Amino acid sequence: MPGREVLPSTLRRSPAKAQRTWEKTHDSAAETYGEGERAHRTAYAAVKNEFEKVGDHWESKGRKGPSDRQAAGGGPERRAPTAGGVDANATKDHLMTVARRLDVPGRSRMNKPELVKAIQKANNQKTAKARGR
């Protein structure tokens, strides 16, 4: 199935470049692995290399590179928890800026791992709200 037809809603609300990245990677992965979870995981990995999830959409990170431990290590045999689109490798200042934009309560007292988890939770809530849940 073409990537355009299965484009996730968070990416539909994102910049065209993020959409193109997901679609091209998905289509290539679907040819290689078949349609399904692996093609979707591969497409998200490509998006996470240049974009981070902020609320209910994806925004450019301004740099290329892995967004968390799983992305840096990669491979199915080396499973590590992902940060769900949050750029866990960003500076604490950047994470504070994102947390401020998402109005995360208690952010000033959080350390970096706590900020990542709080941003991930806020992103999930905003996405659910955007999807009408």
C-alpha atoms as a PDB file:
ATOM      1  CA  MET A   1       0.000   0.000   0.000  1.00  0.00           C
ATOM      2  CA  PRO A   2       1.485   3.384  -0.934  1.00  0.00           C
ATOM      3  CA  GLY A   3       2.814   5.454   1.963  1.00  0.00           C
ATOM      4  CA  ARG A   4       0.449   8.325   1.123  1.00  0.00           C
ATOM      5  CA  GLU A   5      -2.544   6.104   1.883  1.00  0.00           C
ATOM      6  CA  VAL A   6      -1.276   4.968   5.294  1.00  0.00           C
ATOM      7  CA  LEU A   7       0.326   8.246   6.365  1.00  0.00           C
ATOM      8  CA  PRO A   8      -0.215   8.626  10.144  1.00  0.00           C
ATOM      9  CA  SER A   9      -2.333  11.564  11.288  1.00  0.00           C
ATOM     10  CA  THR A  10       0.563  13.143  13.192  1.00  0.00           C
ATOM     11  CA  LEU A  11       2.474  13.340   9.930  1.00  0.00           C
ATOM     12  CA  ARG A  12      -0.548  14.716   8.045  1.00  0.00           C
ATOM     13  CA  ARG A  13      -0.294  17.727  10.395  1.00  0.00           C
ATOM     14  CA  SER A  14       3.464  18.048   9.797  1.00  0.00           C
ATOM     15  CA  PRO A  15       5.670  19.765   7.200  1.00  0.00           C
ATOM     16  CA  ALA A  16       5.656  18.391   3.658  1.00  0.00           C
ATOM     17  CA  LYS A  17       9.294  17.279   3.990  1.00  0.00           C
ATOM     18  CA  ALA A  18       8.417  15.046   6.956  1.00  0.00           C
ATOM     19  CA  GLN A  19       5.537  13.577   4.956  1.00  0.00           C
ATOM     20  CA  ARG A  20       7.757  12.922   1.926  1.00  0.00           C
ATOM     21  CA  THR A  21      10.425  11.321   4.119  1.00  0.00           C
ATOM     22  CA  TRP A  22       7.887   8.947   5.680  1.00  0.00           C
ATOM     23  CA  GLU A  23       6.227   8.097   2.357  1.00  0.00           C
ATOM     24  CA  LYS A  24       9.445   7.385   0.436  1.00  0.00           C
ATOM     25  CA  THR A  25      10.950   5.330   3.253  1.00  0.00           C
ATOM     26  CA  HIS A  26       7.702   3.448   3.855  1.00  0.00           C
ATOM     27  CA  ASP A  27       7.320   2.558   0.187  1.00  0.00           C
ATOM     28  CA  SER A  28      10.912   1.349  -0.071  1.00  0.00           C
ATOM     29  CA  ALA A  29      10.627  -0.654   3.170  1.00  0.00           C
ATOM     30  CA  ALA A  30       7.306  -2.151   2.063  1.00  0.00           C
ATOM     31  CA  GLU A  31       8.968  -3.386  -1.132  1.00  0.00           C
ATOM     32  CA  THR A  32      11.785  -4.924   0.902  1.00  0.00           C
ATOM     33  CA  TYR A  33       9.947  -6.267   3.970  1.00  0.00           C
ATOM     34  CA  GLY A  34       6.309  -6.251   2.903  1.00  0.00           C
ATOM     35  CA  GLU A  35       3.542  -3.989   4.175  1.00  0.00           C
ATOM     36  CA  GLY A  36       3.174  -3.915   7.944  1.00  0.00           C
ATOM     37  CA  GLU A  37       4.819  -3.004  11.222  1.00  0.00           C
ATOM     38  CA  ARG A  38       8.399  -3.294   9.997  1.00  0.00           C
ATOM     39  CA  ALA A  39       7.800  -0.906   7.094  1.00  0.00           C
ATOM     40  CA  HIS A  40       6.132   1.570   9.458  1.00  0.00           C
ATOM     41  CA  ARG A  41       8.944   1.301  12.034  1.00  0.00           C
ATOM     42  CA  THR A  42      11.505   1.905   9.298  1.00  0.00           C
ATOM     43  CA  ALA A  43       9.614   4.959   8.034  1.00  0.00           C
ATOM     44  CA  TYR A  44       9.307   6.428  11.539  1.00  0.00           C
ATOM     45  CA  ALA A  45      13.047   5.881  12.097  1.00  0.00           C
ATOM     46  CA  ALA A  46      13.782   7.958   8.995  1.00  0.00           C
ATOM     47  CA  VAL A  47      11.453  10.735  10.196  1.00  0.00           C
ATOM     48  CA  LYS A  48      13.012  10.737  13.681  1.00  0.00           C
ATOM     49  CA  ASN A  49      16.431  11.286  12.105  1.00  0.00           C
ATOM     50  CA  GLU A  50      15.439  14.837  11.066  1.00  0.00           C
ATOM     51  CA  PHE A  51      12.244  15.612  12.992  1.00  0.00           C
ATOM     52  CA  GLU A  52      10.941  15.485  16.538  1.00  0.00           C
ATOM     53  CA  LYS A  53       7.388  15.102  17.747  1.00  0.00           C
ATOM     54  CA  VAL A  54       5.996  18.238  19.384  1.00  0.00           C
ATOM     55  CA  GLY A  55       2.413  17.929  20.517  1.00  0.00           C
ATOM     56  CA  ASP A  56       0.328  16.391  17.738  1.00  0.00           C
ATOM     57  CA  HIS A  57       2.784  16.898  14.851  1.00  0.00           C
ATOM     58  CA  TRP A  58       6.446  16.657  13.827  1.00  0.00           C
ATOM     59  CA  GLU A  59       8.870  19.596  13.575  1.00  0.00           C
ATOM     60  CA  SER A  60      12.383  19.851  12.181  1.00  0.00           C
ATOM     61  CA  LYS A  61      15.145  19.230  14.742  1.00  0.00           C
ATOM     62  CA  GLY A  62      17.438  21.540  12.831  1.00  0.00           C
ATOM     63  CA  ARG A  63      20.037  18.777  12.713  1.00  0.00           C
ATOM     64  CA  LYS A  64      20.252  15.201  11.514  1.00  0.00           C
ATOM     65  CA  GLY A  65      20.964  12.299  13.798  1.00  0.00           C
ATOM     66  CA  PRO A  66      19.486   9.726  16.137  1.00  0.00           C
ATOM     67  CA  SER A  67      16.818  10.908  18.544  1.00  0.00           C
ATOM     68  CA  ASP A  68      17.289   8.319  21.298  1.00  0.00           C
ATOM     69  CA  ARG A  69      19.294   5.230  22.373  1.00  0.00           C
ATOM     70  CA  GLN A  70      17.254   2.875  20.209  1.00  0.00           C
ATOM     71  CA  ALA A  71      17.821   4.980  17.107  1.00  0.00           C
ATOM     72  CA  ALA A  72      21.538   5.200  17.810  1.00  0.00           C
ATOM     73  CA  GLY A  73      21.920   1.433  18.324  1.00  0.00           C
ATOM     74  CA  GLY A  74      19.298   0.211  15.909  1.00  0.00           C
ATOM     75  CA  GLY A  75      18.471  -3.274  14.815  1.00  0.00           C
ATOM     76  CA  PRO A  76      15.761  -5.621  16.053  1.00  0.00           C
ATOM     77  CA  GLU A  77      18.202  -7.679  18.115  1.00  0.00           C
ATOM     78  CA  ARG A  78      19.145  -4.617  20.189  1.00  0.00           C
ATOM     79  CA  ARG A  79      15.795  -3.390  21.486  1.00  0.00           C
ATOM     80  CA  ALA A  80      15.852  -0.390  23.777  1.00  0.00           C
ATOM     81  CA  PRO A  81      12.949   1.833  24.775  1.00  0.00           C
ATOM     82  CA  THR A  82      12.268   4.681  22.370  1.00  0.00           C
ATOM     83  CA  ALA A  83      11.388   8.224  23.357  1.00  0.00           C
ATOM     84  CA  GLY A  84       8.318   8.210  21.116  1.00  0.00           C
ATOM     85  CA  GLY A  85       9.549  10.917  18.785  1.00  0.00           C
ATOM     86  CA  VAL A  86      10.979  13.156  21.521  1.00  0.00           C
ATOM     87  CA  ASP A  87      14.555  14.164  20.702  1.00  0.00           C
ATOM     88  CA  ALA A  88      16.085  12.646  23.851  1.00  0.00           C
ATOM     89  CA  ASN A  89      19.566  13.518  22.553  1.00  0.00           C
ATOM     90  CA  ALA A  90      18.750  17.245  22.514  1.00  0.00           C
ATOM     91  CA  THR A  91      20.101  19.611  25.126  1.00  0.00           C
ATOM     92  CA  LYS A  92      18.216  20.170  28.356  1.00  0.00           C
ATOM     93  CA  ASP A  93      17.627  23.780  27.260  1.00  0.00           C
ATOM     94  CA  HIS A  94      15.923  22.565  24.083  1.00  0.00           C
ATOM     95  CA  LEU A  95      13.795  20.093  26.034  1.00  0.00           C
ATOM     96  CA  MET A  96      12.806  22.889  28.435  1.00  0.00           C
ATOM     97  CA  THR A  97      11.735  25.031  25.473  1.00  0.00           C
ATOM     98  CA  VAL A  98       9.577  22.213  24.101  1.00  0.00           C
ATOM     99  CA  ALA A  99       8.131  21.516  27.575  1.00  0.00           C
ATOM    100  CA  ARG A 100       7.295  25.214  27.946  1.00  0.00           C
ATOM    101  CA  ARG A 101       5.513  25.225  24.563  1.00  0.00           C
ATOM    102  CA  LEU A 102       3.512  22.173  25.650  1.00  0.00           C
ATOM    103  CA  ASP A 103       2.830  23.743  29.072  1.00  0.00           C
ATOM    104  CA  VAL A 104       4.277  20.772  30.985  1.00  0.00           C
ATOM    105  CA  PRO A 105       3.650  21.375  34.698  1.00  0.00           C
ATOM    106  CA  GLY A 106       6.660  21.188  37.045  1.00  0.00           C
ATOM    107  CA  ARG A 107       9.162  21.341  34.186  1.00  0.00           C
ATOM    108  CA  SER A 108      11.553  23.687  36.016  1.00  0.00           C
ATOM    109  CA  ARG A 109      12.258  20.998  38.636  1.00  0.00           C
ATOM    110  CA  MET A 110      12.756  18.152  36.143  1.00  0.00           C
ATOM    111  CA  ASN A 111      16.005  16.590  35.047  1.00  0.00           C
ATOM    112  CA  LYS A 112      16.586  15.632  31.430  1.00  0.00           C
ATOM    113  CA  PRO A 113      15.105  12.079  31.561  1.00  0.00           C
ATOM    114  CA  GLU A 114      12.043  13.412  33.401  1.00  0.00           C
ATOM    115  CA  LEU A 115      11.594  16.116  30.750  1.00  0.00           C
ATOM    116  CA  VAL A 116      11.731  13.505  27.975  1.00  0.00           C
ATOM    117  CA  LYS A 117       9.019  11.422  29.688  1.00  0.00           C
ATOM    118  CA  ALA A 118       6.852  14.468  30.428  1.00  0.00           C
ATOM    119  CA  ILE A 119       7.122  15.714  26.825  1.00  0.00           C
ATOM    120  CA  GLN A 120       6.267  12.235  25.556  1.00  0.00           C
ATOM    121  CA  LYS A 121       3.179  12.167  27.796  1.00  0.00           C
ATOM    122  CA  ALA A 122       2.114  15.657  26.648  1.00  0.00           C
ATOM    123  CA  ASN A 123       2.632  14.638  23.004  1.00  0.00           C
ATOM    124  CA  ASN A 124       0.459  11.553  23.483  1.00  0.00           C
ATOM    125  CA  GLN A 125      -2.290  13.633  25.091  1.00  0.00           C
ATOM    126  CA  LYS A 126      -2.237  16.234  22.298  1.00  0.00           C
ATOM    127  CA  THR A 127      -2.272  13.515  19.640  1.00  0.00           C
ATOM    128  CA  ALA A 128      -5.212  11.750  21.278  1.00  0.00           C
ATOM    129  CA  LYS A 129      -7.098  15.044  21.493  1.00  0.00           C
ATOM    130  CA  ALA A 130      -6.367  15.804  17.815  1.00  0.00           C
ATOM    131  CA  ARG A 131      -7.718  12.373  16.902  1.00  0.00           C
ATOM    132  CA  GLY A 132     -10.898  13.073  18.842  1.00  0.00           C
ATOM    133  CA  ARG A 133     -10.277  10.701  21.737  1.00  0.00           C
END
